[in-house]
Amino acid sequence: MSSEPNGTKIDVEKLFAEEKADWKGYVEWEQYPEKKEIAHTILETKKFPYPPEFQMAPLPKTNPVLIGHRWKAYHEALGLGHIVDHSWDIVQKEKHDIIHLLDFPYNGETRRYQLLENKLTNNKYHFVRNHGGIPDIKEEAFELEIGGLVNKPAKISLKDLKDPAQFLQVEVTVTLQCSGTRRIEQIMQYPGDGDELINAPWGIGTAVYRGVPLKKVLKRACGGILPNCEHLEFIGAETYFKKNNVFNYAVSVPWRKVRQNEEVILAWEMNGEPLPKSHGAPLRVIVTGYIGARSCKWVYKINALAEPSMGPVQSQEYLYYTPQIGKQNTKYSSGFSIQQMPVSSAIIFPEDKEVIIHDGKITLKGWAYSGGGNWVERVEVSPDGGSVWYAVAQEDMTEKHYHAWRLWKIDVPVDAEGWLEFCVRTWDSSNNTEPTFVRSAWNWDLHVTSSAHRIKLYSVNKSKPATAKRLKELDEKGVGFEPLTRPLEFALEDVDEYLANVRKYPREPRS
């Protein structure tokens, strides 16, 4: 495939070819500013599809939900179309039974029942949020490069990293959460900035990761960092596009986070199994308590820096704005970078708009999580939109972890019938809790929906005599209660009963 910017014919497949054997899907951009500039020039000459409109229009009820036409076109323009097909092949092998939100870059969502099957999310069901294609790097060919503000730059093979005689190995139970988790709640009330990367409504999952603390690697392999190092930058092997520029994925975290030993690890194992390719094999970063975007997949380079990474994922995305910031006035510098995740929770069962026939109690199940080493201490559920709260019993929550969620369930007392609004809030170990309403946490980039999660249920309390009588009548006639809005096809009262009731309590006064 050739491109001709400014009349110059360029063989893009040759110019932007993969340069490392057994590193399929990896193209190095950051070392070659001139190559990035040529790519930019080519991209500027092309016309790419607009992002799909899904905030003002309904999402398709398909699987995949959305097709990444624009991102595929970016790759084709630079002769990288093979990455698209290979990535989807990996998804089909590793993630065939989850909801495919976007086929490329791949975004996949755990189904509700899969989410609550166990405290640890099965690898094949764990959500995926990718920003580019999925590289396929052979373990024996992998090498991690560490440079920048360190005493001694180093290159380390995965074999050496996995050698317990050289590096202390640890296992950490970690909940990773996309900052777009529950974003759909913001979108439904107040749309904001959007593209085809819609994020998973339940972009959260928990696993036990095995690896080595980054702090130990920096000390042993590099002799430590220099005094002016304040941030560690992670660069991933996927190709990433932003406003007609091309990059390798790059993010950073403060050195003070890395100093906490097991809070930033280099991981090669997930739930006792080799790290799946779609989750960053052969090596990824796990940053506990931070948004998932900082846990860089396919990490092949680490740089010690004086300032945060200038990669667009760090400096131009995952920013939190005030409600007064929008399309009319947004600048990158007017938002702050999202790192530590706030306390959050969700009701997974029942689902919104369900009809629940019960005898005075309704069972709810869900998850609760807080970042930054704060653990979930209490979960409360309200059956009336937030006035009366019932605490989940400790025995009805999974065990505590410093960096992981707690699954919970509760039987909520419910006397009222008809449409009711249920909501959940969580208190963490630092007494943080959630804003009461979506509006309180709305922001233009629609990140971090941390408000109390709300659902509406139609309550049918069969402990009520009139309700029990109606349900029995429906059963005798072989008529189901649902769908709720379908009118009953028989008289609700006979004439004699009707007349007796209205004569006993007439509509009009007698005098």
Protein backbone atom coordinates (compact mmCIF):
# COMPACT_ATOMS: atom_id res chain seq x y z
CA MET A 1 0.00 0.00 0.00
CA SER A 2 1.36 3.42 -0.91
CA SER A 3 0.42 6.95 0.07
CA GLU A 4 1.28 10.19 -1.70
CA PRO A 5 1.28 13.20 0.66
CA ASN A 6 2.52 16.33 -1.08
CA GLY A 7 3.03 14.30 -4.25
CA THR A 8 5.70 12.08 -2.67
CA LYS A 9 5.06 8.38 -3.06
CA ILE A 10 5.63 6.45 0.19
CA ASP A 11 5.52 2.72 0.74
CA VAL A 12 3.80 2.86 4.13
CA GLU A 13 3.95 -0.88 4.72
CA LYS A 14 7.73 -0.74 4.43
CA LEU A 15 8.21 2.52 6.30
CA PHE A 16 5.94 1.54 9.22
CA ALA A 17 6.85 -2.14 9.32
CA GLU A 18 7.24 -4.20 12.47
CA GLU A 19 10.93 -4.14 13.34
CA LYS A 20 11.29 -6.83 16.02
CA ALA A 21 11.03 -10.53 15.32
CA ASP A 22 8.32 -12.26 17.35
CA TRP A 23 6.75 -8.89 18.28
CA LYS A 24 3.67 -9.07 16.08
CA GLY A 25 1.49 -5.95 16.06
CA TYR A 26 4.20 -3.72 17.56
CA VAL A 27 5.46 -0.66 15.72
CA GLU A 28 7.90 1.67 17.45
CA TRP A 29 6.90 5.33 17.21
CA GLU A 30 8.37 7.13 20.20
CA GLN A 31 12.00 6.63 19.16
CA TYR A 32 11.40 8.04 15.67
CA PRO A 33 10.02 11.60 15.65
CA GLU A 34 10.59 11.85 11.91
CA LYS A 35 8.52 8.72 11.30
CA LYS A 36 5.72 10.13 13.47
CA GLU A 37 5.82 13.34 11.43
CA ILE A 38 5.51 11.45 8.14
CA ALA A 39 2.57 9.49 9.56
CA HIS A 40 0.94 12.76 10.65
CA THR A 41 1.37 14.20 7.16
CA ILE A 42 -0.28 11.14 5.62
CA LEU A 43 -3.17 11.18 8.11
CA GLU A 44 -3.77 14.89 7.43
CA THR A 45 -4.44 14.10 3.76
CA LYS A 46 -7.15 11.55 4.56
CA LYS A 47 -10.82 11.92 5.33
CA PHE A 48 -11.85 9.63 8.16
CA PRO A 49 -15.37 8.67 9.31
CA TYR A 50 -16.97 10.71 12.07
CA PRO A 51 -17.35 8.97 15.44
CA PRO A 52 -20.78 7.31 15.71
CA GLU A 53 -23.53 9.20 17.53
CA PHE A 54 -24.70 7.06 20.42
CA GLN A 55 -25.48 9.60 23.13
CA MET A 56 -28.34 11.38 21.38
CA ALA A 57 -29.36 8.19 19.56
CA PRO A 58 -29.84 4.68 20.97
CA LEU A 59 -27.05 2.13 20.92
CA PRO A 60 -27.54 -0.74 18.46
CA LYS A 61 -28.69 -3.99 20.06
CA THR A 62 -25.96 -5.95 18.32
CA ASN A 63 -22.82 -7.78 19.38
CA PRO A 64 -20.41 -6.11 18.63
CA VAL A 65 -22.44 -3.06 19.58
CA LEU A 66 -20.29 -0.62 17.58
CA ILE A 67 -17.79 -1.08 14.77
CA GLY A 68 -14.52 0.84 14.94
CA HIS A 69 -14.62 2.14 11.36
CA ARG A 70 -12.55 5.24 12.12
CA TRP A 71 -9.78 3.41 13.97
CA LYS A 72 -9.63 0.74 11.31
CA ALA A 73 -9.26 3.48 8.69
CA TYR A 74 -6.37 5.03 10.65
CA HIS A 75 -4.53 1.72 10.61
CA GLU A 76 -5.25 1.11 6.93
CA ALA A 77 -3.89 4.54 6.04
CA LEU A 78 -0.51 3.58 7.51
CA GLY A 79 -0.46 0.03 6.16
CA LEU A 80 -1.31 -1.50 9.53
CA GLY A 81 -4.57 -3.22 8.61
CA HIS A 82 -3.16 -6.62 9.59
CA ILE A 83 -3.19 -5.50 13.23
CA VAL A 84 -6.99 -5.09 13.09
CA ASP A 85 -7.63 -8.65 11.88
CA HIS A 86 -5.11 -10.25 14.21
CA SER A 87 -6.54 -8.42 17.23
CA TRP A 88 -10.05 -9.67 16.50
CA ASP A 89 -8.74 -13.23 16.14
CA ILE A 90 -7.27 -12.97 19.65
CA VAL A 91 -10.55 -11.59 21.01
CA GLN A 92 -12.49 -14.49 19.52
CA LYS A 93 -10.22 -16.97 21.26
CA GLU A 94 -10.01 -15.24 24.64
CA LYS A 95 -13.26 -13.28 24.98
CA HIS A 96 -15.94 -14.98 22.89
CA ASP A 97 -18.64 -14.99 25.58
CA ILE A 98 -18.77 -11.38 26.75
CA ILE A 99 -20.45 -8.28 25.32
CA HIS A 100 -18.33 -6.80 22.54
CA LEU A 101 -18.92 -3.06 22.93
CA LEU A 102 -16.45 -2.08 20.20
CA ASP A 103 -14.68 -4.48 17.89
CA PHE A 104 -11.60 -2.27 17.37
CA PRO A 105 -9.88 -1.04 19.45
CA TYR A 106 -11.43 -3.85 21.41
CA ASN A 107 -13.71 -2.98 24.32
CA GLY A 108 -15.53 -5.83 26.04
CA GLU A 109 -17.98 -5.89 28.95
CA THR A 110 -18.61 -8.61 31.49
CA ARG A 111 -22.21 -9.85 31.53
CA ARG A 112 -24.08 -9.22 34.76
CA TYR A 113 -24.28 -12.82 35.94
CA GLN A 114 -20.56 -13.32 35.17
CA LEU A 115 -19.68 -10.28 37.26
CA LEU A 116 -21.15 -11.71 40.46
CA GLU A 117 -20.17 -15.36 39.98
CA ASN A 118 -17.18 -15.03 42.28
CA LYS A 119 -15.09 -12.49 44.14
CA LEU A 120 -12.41 -13.08 41.49
CA THR A 121 -13.51 -12.42 37.92
CA ASN A 122 -12.77 -15.31 35.58
CA ASN A 123 -10.07 -14.28 33.10
CA LYS A 124 -12.28 -15.03 30.10
CA TYR A 125 -15.03 -12.76 31.48
CA HIS A 126 -12.89 -9.89 32.83
CA PHE A 127 -13.64 -6.62 31.04
CA VAL A 128 -11.24 -5.26 28.43
CA ARG A 129 -10.57 -1.62 27.58
CA ASN A 130 -7.98 -1.27 24.83
CA HIS A 131 -6.75 1.85 23.05
CA GLY A 132 -5.21 0.15 20.03
CA GLY A 133 -4.56 -3.25 18.52
CA ILE A 134 -3.51 -6.27 20.60
CA PRO A 135 0.20 -7.04 20.18
CA ASP A 136 1.32 -10.68 20.15
CA ILE A 137 4.79 -10.80 21.70
CA LYS A 138 6.62 -14.06 22.29
CA GLU A 139 7.74 -14.39 25.91
CA GLU A 140 11.23 -15.59 25.05
CA ALA A 141 11.75 -12.56 22.76
CA PHE A 142 10.49 -9.99 25.25
CA GLU A 143 12.76 -7.41 26.85
CA LEU A 144 11.88 -4.55 29.20
CA GLU A 145 13.90 -1.35 28.84
CA ILE A 146 14.23 1.08 31.77
CA GLY A 147 15.79 4.50 31.28
CA GLY A 148 15.51 8.20 32.02
CA LEU A 149 16.36 9.52 35.48
CA VAL A 150 17.84 6.31 36.85
CA ASN A 151 21.36 5.65 38.04
CA LYS A 152 21.91 2.92 35.47
CA PRO A 153 19.69 2.24 32.42
CA ALA A 154 18.81 -1.43 32.09
CA LYS A 155 17.33 -4.03 29.76
CA ILE A 156 15.75 -7.03 31.44
CA SER A 157 14.40 -10.23 29.91
CA LEU A 158 11.16 -11.69 31.18
CA LYS A 159 13.10 -14.79 32.18
CA ASP A 160 15.22 -12.69 34.52
CA LEU A 161 12.21 -10.79 35.87
CA LYS A 162 10.55 -14.10 36.74
CA ASP A 163 13.65 -15.41 38.51
CA PRO A 164 12.87 -15.30 42.27
CA ALA A 165 16.59 -15.35 43.02
CA GLN A 166 16.86 -11.93 41.37
CA PHE A 167 13.52 -10.26 42.13
CA LEU A 168 11.04 -10.72 44.97
CA GLN A 169 7.70 -12.01 43.65
CA VAL A 170 4.35 -10.97 45.08
CA GLU A 171 0.66 -11.72 44.60
CA VAL A 172 -1.86 -8.90 45.00
CA THR A 173 -5.66 -9.04 44.79
CA VAL A 174 -6.66 -6.04 42.69
CA THR A 175 -9.88 -4.58 41.33
CA LEU A 176 -9.27 -2.72 38.08
CA GLN A 177 -11.91 -0.20 37.13
CA CYS A 178 -12.24 1.81 33.96
CA SER A 179 -12.94 5.47 34.73
CA GLY A 180 -15.83 5.14 32.27
CA THR A 181 -17.57 2.56 34.47
CA ARG A 182 -21.27 3.47 34.83
CA ARG A 183 -20.76 6.28 32.28
CA ILE A 184 -24.11 5.36 30.74
CA GLU A 185 -25.82 6.99 33.75
CA GLN A 186 -24.26 10.35 32.94
CA ILE A 187 -25.01 9.96 29.24
CA MET A 188 -28.70 9.18 29.86
CA GLN A 189 -29.22 12.41 31.78
CA TYR A 190 -26.58 14.81 30.48
CA PRO A 191 -24.60 13.84 27.34
CA GLY A 192 -21.01 14.99 26.99
CA ASP A 193 -17.86 14.51 24.95
CA GLY A 194 -17.92 11.24 23.06
CA ASP A 195 -16.40 9.00 20.44
CA GLU A 196 -16.80 5.31 19.68
CA LEU A 197 -14.92 4.35 22.84
CA ILE A 198 -18.09 4.10 24.88
CA ASN A 199 -16.58 2.20 27.82
CA ALA A 200 -18.29 -0.61 29.64
CA PRO A 201 -21.18 0.22 31.97
CA TRP A 202 -19.69 -2.46 34.22
CA GLY A 203 -16.03 -1.94 33.31
CA ILE A 204 -14.77 -3.44 36.56
CA GLY A 205 -13.24 -6.76 37.51
CA THR A 206 -11.04 -8.36 40.15
CA ALA A 207 -8.09 -10.71 39.85
CA VAL A 208 -5.01 -11.91 41.70
CA TYR A 209 -1.93 -10.69 39.83
CA ARG A 210 1.52 -12.17 40.27
CA GLY A 211 4.68 -10.25 39.48
CA VAL A 212 7.43 -8.11 40.97
CA PRO A 213 7.18 -4.70 42.68
CA LEU A 214 8.47 -2.01 40.32
CA LYS A 215 10.29 -0.36 43.22
CA LYS A 216 12.44 -3.48 43.70
CA VAL A 217 13.20 -3.68 39.96
CA LEU A 218 14.32 -0.05 39.85
CA LYS A 219 16.58 -0.59 42.85
CA ARG A 220 18.16 -3.88 41.80
CA ALA A 221 18.39 -3.45 38.03
CA CYS A 222 18.99 0.33 37.85
CA GLY A 223 20.63 1.16 41.14
CA GLY A 224 17.65 3.32 42.06
CA ILE A 225 16.39 6.62 40.66
CA LEU A 226 18.01 10.04 40.53
CA PRO A 227 16.90 12.73 43.02
CA ASN A 228 14.95 14.72 40.42
CA CYS A 229 12.75 11.77 39.40
CA GLU A 230 9.13 12.45 40.35
CA HIS A 231 7.17 10.23 37.92
CA LEU A 232 7.47 6.86 36.20
CA GLU A 233 6.27 6.63 32.60
CA PHE A 234 5.01 3.35 31.14
CA ILE A 235 4.99 2.80 27.38
CA GLY A 236 2.88 0.05 25.84
CA ALA A 237 3.45 -1.70 22.52
CA GLU A 238 0.13 -0.83 20.86
CA THR A 239 -0.24 1.89 18.24
CA TYR A 240 -2.46 4.76 19.39
CA PHE A 241 -3.97 7.62 17.38
CA LYS A 242 -4.95 11.07 18.60
CA LYS A 243 -6.06 13.95 16.35
CA ASN A 244 -4.16 12.69 13.29
CA ASN A 245 -1.01 11.94 15.26
CA VAL A 246 0.35 8.51 16.09
CA PHE A 247 1.96 7.28 19.32
CA ASN A 248 2.75 4.29 21.43
CA TYR A 249 0.47 4.19 24.45
CA ALA A 250 2.09 6.14 27.30
CA VAL A 251 0.96 6.99 30.84
CA SER A 252 2.64 7.76 34.15
CA VAL A 253 2.20 7.62 37.91
CA PRO A 254 4.00 9.56 40.64
CA TRP A 255 7.14 8.10 42.19
CA ARG A 256 5.49 8.31 45.61
CA LYS A 257 2.99 5.69 44.39
CA VAL A 258 5.74 3.38 43.17
CA ARG A 259 7.55 3.72 46.52
CA GLN A 260 4.72 1.84 48.24
CA ASN A 261 6.28 -1.55 47.30
CA GLU A 262 3.34 -3.70 46.24
CA GLU A 263 1.13 -0.89 44.95
CA VAL A 264 2.76 -0.87 41.49
CA ILE A 265 3.85 -4.25 40.14
CA LEU A 266 5.02 -5.70 36.84
CA ALA A 267 2.72 -8.69 36.33
CA TRP A 268 2.86 -11.76 34.10
CA GLU A 269 0.17 -13.87 35.77
CA MET A 270 -3.58 -13.35 36.30
CA ASN A 271 -5.64 -15.59 38.58
CA GLY A 272 -2.98 -18.29 38.57
CA GLU A 273 -2.75 -18.42 34.79
CA PRO A 274 -0.42 -16.78 32.26
CA LEU A 275 -1.57 -13.25 31.48
CA PRO A 276 -3.94 -13.35 28.45
CA LYS A 277 -2.83 -11.45 25.36
CA SER A 278 -5.88 -9.16 25.55
CA HIS A 279 -4.82 -8.25 29.10
CA GLY A 280 -1.25 -7.29 28.25
CA ALA A 281 0.86 -10.44 27.87
CA PRO A 282 3.67 -11.00 28.25
CA LEU A 283 4.03 -8.18 30.80
CA ARG A 284 1.82 -5.41 32.10
CA VAL A 285 1.81 -2.84 34.86
CA ILE A 286 -0.71 -3.14 37.69
CA VAL A 287 -1.29 0.12 39.56
CA THR A 288 -3.49 -0.57 42.56
CA GLY A 289 -6.27 1.89 43.42
CA TYR A 290 -5.80 4.00 40.26
CA ILE A 291 -7.93 4.13 37.13
CA GLY A 292 -7.36 1.17 34.85
CA ALA A 293 -5.74 3.36 32.20
CA ARG A 294 -2.57 3.62 34.33
CA SER A 295 -2.11 -0.16 34.41
CA CYS A 296 -0.28 -0.16 31.09
CA LYS A 297 -0.55 -3.36 29.02
CA TRP A 298 2.27 -4.81 26.88
CA VAL A 299 4.69 -2.53 28.72
CA TYR A 300 8.10 -2.65 27.04
CA LYS A 301 9.67 0.59 28.25
CA ILE A 302 9.72 2.51 31.54
CA ASN A 303 11.12 6.03 31.81
CA ALA A 304 11.92 7.86 35.04
CA LEU A 305 10.79 11.48 34.54
CA ALA A 306 10.82 14.81 36.37
CA GLU A 307 7.23 15.56 35.22
CA PRO A 308 4.19 13.49 34.21
CA SER A 309 4.19 11.84 30.80
CA MET A 310 3.23 14.04 27.86
CA GLY A 311 1.60 11.08 26.14
CA PRO A 312 -1.95 12.10 25.15
CA VAL A 313 -3.56 9.42 27.32
CA GLN A 314 -1.93 11.10 30.32
CA SER A 315 -1.98 14.78 29.34
CA GLN A 316 -5.07 15.07 27.10
CA GLU A 317 -7.43 12.33 28.29
CA TYR A 318 -8.80 11.02 31.58
CA LEU A 319 -9.22 14.56 32.81
CA TYR A 320 -11.83 15.68 35.31
CA TYR A 321 -13.55 19.00 34.55
CA THR A 322 -16.01 21.16 36.45
CA PRO A 323 -19.64 21.21 35.23
CA GLN A 324 -18.96 24.66 33.70
CA ILE A 325 -16.44 23.19 31.26
CA GLY A 326 -17.70 21.83 27.95
CA LYS A 327 -17.28 21.94 24.19
CA GLN A 328 -17.46 25.74 24.33
CA ASN A 329 -14.36 26.27 26.50
CA THR A 330 -12.45 23.02 27.14
CA LYS A 331 -8.67 23.08 27.44
CA TYR A 332 -6.55 20.19 28.63
CA SER A 333 -5.10 22.37 31.37
CA SER A 334 -8.56 23.19 32.76
CA GLY A 335 -9.05 19.63 33.98
CA PHE A 336 -6.97 17.59 36.40
CA SER A 337 -5.59 14.15 35.67
CA ILE A 338 -7.60 11.30 37.20
CA GLN A 339 -5.46 8.88 39.16
CA GLN A 340 -6.91 7.44 42.37
CA MET A 341 -10.42 6.05 42.01
CA PRO A 342 -13.17 7.31 44.36
CA VAL A 343 -15.56 5.13 46.31
CA SER A 344 -18.29 3.66 44.11
CA SER A 345 -20.87 0.88 44.03
CA ALA A 346 -23.64 -0.56 41.87
CA ILE A 347 -26.76 -2.69 42.00
CA ILE A 348 -26.36 -5.52 39.48
CA PHE A 349 -29.53 -7.50 40.28
CA PRO A 350 -32.40 -6.80 39.87
CA GLU A 351 -32.06 -4.77 36.68
CA ASP A 352 -33.65 -1.38 36.09
CA LYS A 353 -37.39 -1.43 35.29
CA GLU A 354 -37.91 -5.01 36.49
CA VAL A 355 -41.21 -6.11 38.06
CA ILE A 356 -40.57 -7.76 41.43
CA ILE A 357 -43.30 -9.86 43.06
CA HIS A 358 -42.34 -10.33 46.70
CA ASP A 359 -43.67 -10.93 50.20
CA GLY A 360 -42.28 -7.83 51.92
CA LYS A 361 -38.57 -8.07 51.04
CA ILE A 362 -36.64 -7.57 47.81
CA THR A 363 -33.19 -9.10 47.37
CA LEU A 364 -30.53 -6.87 45.79
CA LYS A 365 -26.97 -7.82 44.82
CA GLY A 366 -24.02 -5.77 43.63
CA TRP A 367 -20.44 -4.63 44.09
CA ALA A 368 -18.68 -1.87 46.04
CA TYR A 369 -15.15 -0.53 45.65
CA SER A 370 -12.84 2.28 46.69
CA GLY A 371 -9.40 3.19 45.37
CA GLY A 372 -6.16 4.41 46.87
CA GLY A 373 -5.88 1.65 49.47
CA ASN A 374 -9.23 2.54 51.06
CA TRP A 375 -11.29 -0.59 51.60
CA VAL A 376 -15.07 -0.89 51.61
CA GLU A 377 -16.33 -0.70 55.17
CA ARG A 378 -20.11 -0.35 54.77
CA VAL A 379 -22.70 -0.70 52.00
CA GLU A 380 -26.18 0.82 52.39
CA VAL A 381 -29.26 0.40 50.22
CA SER A 382 -32.31 2.67 50.13
CA PRO A 383 -35.75 1.60 48.84
CA ASP A 384 -37.08 5.16 48.63
CA GLY A 385 -34.52 7.06 46.57
CA GLY A 386 -32.21 8.00 49.43
CA SER A 387 -34.15 8.85 52.61
CA VAL A 388 -34.20 5.53 54.46
CA TRP A 389 -31.03 3.40 54.33
CA TYR A 390 -30.43 -0.24 55.30
CA ALA A 391 -26.87 -1.50 55.91
CA VAL A 392 -25.68 -4.75 54.36
CA ALA A 393 -24.66 -7.24 57.03
CA GLN A 394 -20.91 -7.93 57.15
CA GLU A 395 -21.55 -11.65 56.62
CA ASP A 396 -23.31 -10.78 53.36
CA MET A 397 -20.20 -9.16 51.88
CA THR A 398 -17.05 -10.81 50.56
CA GLU A 399 -13.83 -10.32 52.53
CA LYS A 400 -11.96 -7.03 52.67
CA HIS A 401 -8.88 -6.25 50.60
CA TYR A 402 -6.83 -3.08 50.45
CA HIS A 403 -7.14 -2.89 46.68
CA ALA A 404 -10.24 -4.90 45.76
CA TRP A 405 -14.00 -4.70 45.76
CA ARG A 406 -16.55 -6.41 48.00
CA LEU A 407 -19.53 -8.18 46.50
CA TRP A 408 -22.71 -7.83 48.56
CA LYS A 409 -26.35 -8.87 48.86
CA ILE A 410 -29.24 -7.69 51.03
CA ASP A 411 -32.94 -8.40 51.60
CA VAL A 412 -34.45 -4.92 51.75
CA PRO A 413 -37.77 -4.48 53.65
CA VAL A 414 -40.34 -3.13 51.18
CA ASP A 415 -43.95 -2.42 52.13
CA ALA A 416 -44.87 -0.01 49.33
CA GLU A 417 -46.14 -1.05 45.91
CA GLY A 418 -45.80 0.44 42.45
CA TRP A 419 -42.72 2.17 41.05
CA LEU A 420 -39.96 2.61 43.65
CA GLU A 421 -36.44 3.98 43.28
CA PHE A 422 -33.68 1.96 44.92
CA CYS A 423 -30.15 3.26 45.34
CA VAL A 424 -26.89 2.12 46.89
CA ARG A 425 -24.05 4.00 48.52
CA THR A 426 -20.79 2.86 50.06
CA TRP A 427 -18.65 4.13 52.91
CA ASP A 428 -14.95 3.36 52.78
CA SER A 429 -12.33 3.14 55.51
CA SER A 430 -11.66 6.90 55.33
CA ASN A 431 -15.38 7.73 55.71
CA ASN A 432 -15.69 8.72 52.05
CA THR A 433 -19.07 8.12 50.46
CA GLU A 434 -20.77 8.84 47.15
CA PRO A 435 -22.57 11.93 45.84
CA THR A 436 -26.32 11.40 45.99
CA PHE A 437 -27.19 12.30 42.40
CA VAL A 438 -25.60 11.94 38.94
CA ARG A 439 -25.67 15.70 38.44
CA SER A 440 -23.32 16.13 41.40
CA ALA A 441 -20.56 14.24 39.58
CA TRP A 442 -21.30 15.13 35.94
CA ASN A 443 -18.31 16.25 33.89
CA TRP A 444 -17.78 16.92 30.18
CA ASP A 445 -15.60 13.83 29.61
CA LEU A 446 -18.14 11.69 31.49
CA HIS A 447 -15.52 10.11 33.76
CA VAL A 448 -15.91 8.58 37.20
CA THR A 449 -19.65 8.14 37.68
CA SER A 450 -19.37 7.89 41.45
CA SER A 451 -22.87 9.01 42.46
CA ALA A 452 -25.26 6.66 44.23
CA HIS A 453 -26.35 4.07 41.67
CA ARG A 454 -30.12 4.12 41.12
CA ILE A 455 -32.64 1.72 39.63
CA LYS A 456 -36.43 1.79 39.42
CA LEU A 457 -38.38 -1.35 40.28
CA TYR A 458 -42.10 -2.06 40.14
CA SER A 459 -43.01 -3.50 43.53
CA VAL A 460 -45.82 -6.08 43.82
CA ASN A 461 -46.21 -6.98 47.49
CA LYS A 462 -48.14 -10.23 47.74
CA SER A 463 -48.42 -9.86 51.53
CA LYS A 464 -51.11 -7.25 50.77
CA PRO A 465 -54.59 -8.91 50.72
CA ALA A 466 -55.79 -7.14 47.57
CA THR A 467 -52.56 -7.97 45.73
CA ALA A 468 -52.66 -11.62 46.83
CA LYS A 469 -56.25 -11.85 45.60
CA ARG A 470 -55.35 -10.41 42.18
CA LEU A 471 -52.34 -12.69 41.79
CA LYS A 472 -54.46 -15.71 42.63
CA GLU A 473 -57.05 -14.60 40.10
CA LEU A 474 -54.38 -14.28 37.41
CA ASP A 475 -53.02 -17.71 38.26
CA GLU A 476 -56.45 -19.31 38.01
CA LYS A 477 -56.96 -17.72 34.59
CA GLY A 478 -53.49 -18.74 33.42
CA VAL A 479 -52.51 -15.12 32.83
CA GLY A 480 -49.02 -13.84 33.56
CA PHE A 481 -48.46 -10.54 35.37
CA GLU A 482 -45.96 -9.32 32.79
CA PRO A 483 -45.56 -7.39 30.63
CA LEU A 484 -46.54 -4.79 33.20
CA THR A 485 -48.11 -2.40 30.69
CA ARG A 486 -50.37 -4.93 28.98
CA PRO A 487 -54.01 -4.26 30.05
CA LEU A 488 -55.91 -7.11 31.65
CA GLU A 489 -58.52 -8.62 29.34
CA PHE A 490 -61.15 -9.30 32.00
CA ALA A 491 -63.27 -7.08 34.21
CA LEU A 492 -61.50 -5.90 37.33
CA GLU A 493 -64.70 -5.99 39.41
CA ASP A 494 -68.20 -7.36 38.91
CA VAL A 495 -71.11 -4.90 38.92
CA ASP A 496 -72.42 -5.84 42.36
CA GLU A 497 -69.01 -5.41 44.02
CA TYR A 498 -68.45 -2.12 42.24
CA LEU A 499 -71.83 -0.71 43.29
CA ALA A 500 -71.39 -1.88 46.87
CA ASN A 501 -68.02 -0.11 47.15
CA VAL A 502 -68.96 3.19 45.53
CA ARG A 503 -72.26 3.35 47.47
CA LYS A 504 -70.42 2.75 50.72
CA TYR A 505 -68.00 5.58 50.03
CA PRO A 506 -69.73 7.86 47.46
CA ARG A 507 -67.69 10.31 45.40
CA GLU A 508 -69.97 13.30 46.17
CA PRO A 509 -70.88 14.61 49.65
CA ARG A 510 -74.44 13.96 50.81
CA SER A 511 -74.93 17.52 52.07
